[in-house]
Amino acid sequence: MRVSVFRRAHFNAAHRLNNPQWTEEKNKNVFGVCNNDNYHGHNYELEVKLTGEVDPETGYVYDMKDLSDMIKVEIEDRFDHKNLNLDTEEFRSLNPTAEHIAFVIYNILRSKIRENLDISVRLWETPRNSVQYPA
């Protein structure tokens, strides 16, 4: 039997959307207020979905405590109350759009999750705007 389990998490982070290949004017036109020279912040909501076979011995797809601990260490501790552009290696040369943040989180967690489990990441940048990877 295949089942999906979900774990939600939260972190706060600042960022600035900017393409260094573009002019200041083009960055302002494309990214608007998200291109603020002094950065801006979000209260990100994260949902991690794991899908796989239920282990007949434990009844689990994945131990939710282990998943919670992994998200805390690998994602929350890494990104919470950080300026993504300045304080993290992952976004030093990658524009920290919600799409890229979800992709980075996916790759971090994918490397820690057993291959036999499917994983997806959904990230809310605002209560009305979210992205999911993979789509």
C-alpha atoms as a PDB file:
ATOM      1  CA  MET A   1       0.000   0.000   0.000  1.00  0.00           C
ATOM      2  CA  ARG A   2       1.426   3.406  -1.039  1.00  0.00           C
ATOM      3  CA  VAL A   3       0.678   6.328   1.253  1.00  0.00           C
ATOM      4  CA  SER A   4       1.785   9.966   1.360  1.00  0.00           C
ATOM      5  CA  VAL A   5       2.833  11.628   4.607  1.00  0.00           C
ATOM      6  CA  PHE A   6       3.247  15.377   5.052  1.00  0.00           C
ATOM      7  CA  ARG A   7       5.298  17.496   7.429  1.00  0.00           C
ATOM      8  CA  ARG A   8       4.936  21.263   7.708  1.00  0.00           C
ATOM      9  CA  ALA A   9       7.615  23.663   8.900  1.00  0.00           C
ATOM     10  CA  HIS A  10       8.225  27.388   9.059  1.00  0.00           C
ATOM     11  CA  PHE A  11      11.129  29.774   8.658  1.00  0.00           C
ATOM     12  CA  ASN A  12      11.625  33.518   8.255  1.00  0.00           C
ATOM     13  CA  ALA A  13      14.146  34.856   5.780  1.00  0.00           C
ATOM     14  CA  ALA A  14      15.048  37.977   3.856  1.00  0.00           C
ATOM     15  CA  HIS A  15      16.066  38.164   0.220  1.00  0.00           C
ATOM     16  CA  ARG A  16      16.426  40.412  -2.774  1.00  0.00           C
ATOM     17  CA  LEU A  17      15.470  39.333  -6.277  1.00  0.00           C
ATOM     18  CA  ASN A  18      18.123  40.576  -8.644  1.00  0.00           C
ATOM     19  CA  ASN A  19      19.748  39.407 -11.856  1.00  0.00           C
ATOM     20  CA  PRO A  20      23.314  40.789 -11.918  1.00  0.00           C
ATOM     21  CA  GLN A  21      23.379  40.404 -15.714  1.00  0.00           C
ATOM     22  CA  TRP A  22      20.630  43.025 -16.051  1.00  0.00           C
ATOM     23  CA  THR A  23      20.619  46.768 -15.635  1.00  0.00           C
ATOM     24  CA  GLU A  24      19.285  48.322 -12.457  1.00  0.00           C
ATOM     25  CA  GLU A  25      16.303  49.583 -14.458  1.00  0.00           C
ATOM     26  CA  LYS A  26      15.456  46.138 -15.860  1.00  0.00           C
ATOM     27  CA  ASN A  27      15.742  44.560 -12.382  1.00  0.00           C
ATOM     28  CA  LYS A  28      13.364  47.190 -10.964  1.00  0.00           C
ATOM     29  CA  ASN A  29      10.918  46.677 -13.855  1.00  0.00           C
ATOM     30  CA  VAL A  30      10.880  42.874 -13.586  1.00  0.00           C
ATOM     31  CA  PHE A  31      11.146  42.360  -9.814  1.00  0.00           C
ATOM     32  CA  GLY A  32       9.541  45.600  -8.545  1.00  0.00           C
ATOM     33  CA  VAL A  33       9.597  45.963  -4.765  1.00  0.00           C
ATOM     34  CA  CYS A  34      11.243  42.533  -4.495  1.00  0.00           C
ATOM     35  CA  ASN A  35      14.391  44.183  -5.898  1.00  0.00           C
ATOM     36  CA  ASN A  36      14.667  46.543  -2.902  1.00  0.00           C
ATOM     37  CA  ASP A  37      18.355  47.362  -2.280  1.00  0.00           C
ATOM     38  CA  ASN A  38      17.769  46.788   1.447  1.00  0.00           C
ATOM     39  CA  TYR A  39      16.099  43.382   0.969  1.00  0.00           C
ATOM     40  CA  HIS A  40      12.691  42.298   2.237  1.00  0.00           C
ATOM     41  CA  GLY A  41      11.430  39.327   4.225  1.00  0.00           C
ATOM     42  CA  HIS A  42       8.884  36.527   4.200  1.00  0.00           C
ATOM     43  CA  ASN A  43       7.388  34.120   6.694  1.00  0.00           C
ATOM     44  CA  TYR A  44       7.859  30.970   4.640  1.00  0.00           C
ATOM     45  CA  GLU A  45       5.670  27.929   5.191  1.00  0.00           C
ATOM     46  CA  LEU A  46       7.120  24.633   4.004  1.00  0.00           C
ATOM     47  CA  GLU A  47       5.376  21.338   3.370  1.00  0.00           C
ATOM     48  CA  VAL A  48       7.388  18.213   2.645  1.00  0.00           C
ATOM     49  CA  LYS A  49       5.541  15.244   1.155  1.00  0.00           C
ATOM     50  CA  LEU A  50       6.957  11.715   1.185  1.00  0.00           C
ATOM     51  CA  THR A  51       5.228   8.912  -0.696  1.00  0.00           C
ATOM     52  CA  GLY A  52       6.048   5.236  -0.454  1.00  0.00           C
ATOM     53  CA  GLU A  53       5.111   1.809   0.742  1.00  0.00           C
ATOM     54  CA  VAL A  54       4.004   1.400   4.348  1.00  0.00           C
ATOM     55  CA  ASP A  55       6.547  -0.649   6.286  1.00  0.00           C
ATOM     56  CA  PRO A  56       4.690  -3.743   7.523  1.00  0.00           C
ATOM     57  CA  GLU A  57       6.682  -3.829  10.767  1.00  0.00           C
ATOM     58  CA  THR A  58       6.328  -0.170  11.851  1.00  0.00           C
ATOM     59  CA  GLY A  59       3.203   0.846   9.948  1.00  0.00           C
ATOM     60  CA  TYR A  60       5.133   3.952   8.828  1.00  0.00           C
ATOM     61  CA  VAL A  61       6.054   5.310   5.431  1.00  0.00           C
ATOM     62  CA  TYR A  62       8.672   7.365   7.293  1.00  0.00           C
ATOM     63  CA  ASP A  63       9.143   8.159  10.961  1.00  0.00           C
ATOM     64  CA  MET A  64       7.638  11.656  11.319  1.00  0.00           C
ATOM     65  CA  LYS A  65       9.936  12.522  14.241  1.00  0.00           C
ATOM     66  CA  ASP A  66      12.936  11.737  12.047  1.00  0.00           C
ATOM     67  CA  LEU A  67      11.479  13.846   9.232  1.00  0.00           C
ATOM     68  CA  SER A  68      10.774  16.709  11.628  1.00  0.00           C
ATOM     69  CA  ASP A  69      14.325  16.577  13.013  1.00  0.00           C
ATOM     70  CA  MET A  70      15.807  16.463   9.510  1.00  0.00           C
ATOM     71  CA  ILE A  71      13.811  19.501   8.357  1.00  0.00           C
ATOM     72  CA  LYS A  72      14.846  21.381  11.503  1.00  0.00           C
ATOM     73  CA  VAL A  73      18.548  20.678  11.067  1.00  0.00           C
ATOM     74  CA  GLU A  74      18.829  20.797   7.272  1.00  0.00           C
ATOM     75  CA  ILE A  75      16.349  23.584   6.429  1.00  0.00           C
ATOM     76  CA  GLU A  76      15.157  25.642   9.391  1.00  0.00           C
ATOM     77  CA  ASP A  77      18.563  25.962  11.075  1.00  0.00           C
ATOM     78  CA  ARG A  78      20.165  26.751   7.713  1.00  0.00           C
ATOM     79  CA  PHE A  79      17.693  29.403   6.462  1.00  0.00           C
ATOM     80  CA  ASP A  80      15.697  30.754   9.434  1.00  0.00           C
ATOM     81  CA  HIS A  81      16.371  34.424  10.212  1.00  0.00           C
ATOM     82  CA  LYS A  82      18.955  34.615   7.441  1.00  0.00           C
ATOM     83  CA  ASN A  83      19.431  36.926   4.519  1.00  0.00           C
ATOM     84  CA  LEU A  84      19.384  34.305   1.779  1.00  0.00           C
ATOM     85  CA  ASN A  85      21.524  36.410  -0.577  1.00  0.00           C
ATOM     86  CA  LEU A  86      24.225  37.202   1.985  1.00  0.00           C
ATOM     87  CA  ASP A  87      24.163  34.478   4.640  1.00  0.00           C
ATOM     88  CA  THR A  88      23.782  31.254   2.647  1.00  0.00           C
ATOM     89  CA  GLU A  89      26.058  29.502   0.189  1.00  0.00           C
ATOM     90  CA  GLU A  90      23.090  28.144  -1.760  1.00  0.00           C
ATOM     91  CA  PHE A  91      21.989  31.608  -2.924  1.00  0.00           C
ATOM     92  CA  ARG A  92      25.270  33.454  -3.323  1.00  0.00           C
ATOM     93  CA  SER A  93      24.962  33.076  -7.096  1.00  0.00           C
ATOM     94  CA  LEU A  94      21.364  31.835  -7.420  1.00  0.00           C
ATOM     95  CA  ASN A  95      18.487  34.329  -7.428  1.00  0.00           C
ATOM     96  CA  PRO A  96      16.439  33.344  -4.328  1.00  0.00           C
ATOM     97  CA  THR A  97      13.024  33.215  -5.951  1.00  0.00           C
ATOM     98  CA  ALA A  98      10.433  30.951  -4.325  1.00  0.00           C
ATOM     99  CA  GLU A  99      10.979  28.541  -7.228  1.00  0.00           C
ATOM    100  CA  HIS A 100      14.709  28.345  -6.554  1.00  0.00           C
ATOM    101  CA  ILE A 101      14.248  28.078  -2.795  1.00  0.00           C
ATOM    102  CA  ALA A 102      11.886  25.106  -3.240  1.00  0.00           C
ATOM    103  CA  PHE A 103      14.347  23.471  -5.654  1.00  0.00           C
ATOM    104  CA  VAL A 104      17.253  23.929  -3.223  1.00  0.00           C
ATOM    105  CA  ILE A 105      15.230  22.548  -0.305  1.00  0.00           C
ATOM    106  CA  TYR A 106      14.165  19.573  -2.409  1.00  0.00           C
ATOM    107  CA  ASN A 107      17.778  18.756  -3.297  1.00  0.00           C
ATOM    108  CA  ILE A 108      18.967  19.071   0.293  1.00  0.00           C
ATOM    109  CA  LEU A 109      16.242  16.715   1.546  1.00  0.00           C
ATOM    110  CA  ARG A 110      16.415  14.360  -1.459  1.00  0.00           C
ATOM    111  CA  SER A 111      20.030  13.602  -0.573  1.00  0.00           C
ATOM    112  CA  LYS A 112      18.915  12.514   2.939  1.00  0.00           C
ATOM    113  CA  ILE A 113      15.752  10.531   2.076  1.00  0.00           C
ATOM    114  CA  ARG A 114      15.792   6.888   0.978  1.00  0.00           C
ATOM    115  CA  GLU A 115      15.630   6.483  -2.811  1.00  0.00           C
ATOM    116  CA  ASN A 116      12.505   4.293  -2.629  1.00  0.00           C
ATOM    117  CA  LEU A 117      10.469   7.266  -1.364  1.00  0.00           C
ATOM    118  CA  ASP A 118       9.133   9.982  -3.632  1.00  0.00           C
ATOM    119  CA  ILE A 119       9.553  13.480  -2.254  1.00  0.00           C
ATOM    120  CA  SER A 120       8.039  16.825  -3.127  1.00  0.00           C
ATOM    121  CA  VAL A 121       8.342  20.247  -1.552  1.00  0.00           C
ATOM    122  CA  ARG A 122       5.722  22.973  -1.421  1.00  0.00           C
ATOM    123  CA  LEU A 123       6.747  26.416  -0.266  1.00  0.00           C
ATOM    124  CA  TRP A 124       4.401  29.297   0.579  1.00  0.00           C
ATOM    125  CA  GLU A 125       6.047  32.698   0.249  1.00  0.00           C
ATOM    126  CA  THR A 126       2.781  34.381   1.228  1.00  0.00           C
ATOM    127  CA  PRO A 127      -0.569  32.917   2.286  1.00  0.00           C
ATOM    128  CA  ARG A 128      -1.679  33.230  -1.363  1.00  0.00           C
ATOM    129  CA  ASN A 129       1.523  32.405  -3.282  1.00  0.00           C
ATOM    130  CA  SER A 130       3.149  28.987  -3.278  1.00  0.00           C
ATOM    131  CA  VAL A 131       5.395  26.877  -5.468  1.00  0.00           C
ATOM    132  CA  GLN A 132       5.896  23.137  -5.633  1.00  0.00           C
ATOM    133  CA  TYR A 133       8.874  21.076  -6.778  1.00  0.00           C
ATOM    134  CA  PRO A 134       8.711  18.786  -8.554  1.00  0.00           C
ATOM    135  CA  ALA A 135       5.568  20.071 -10.227  1.00  0.00           C
END
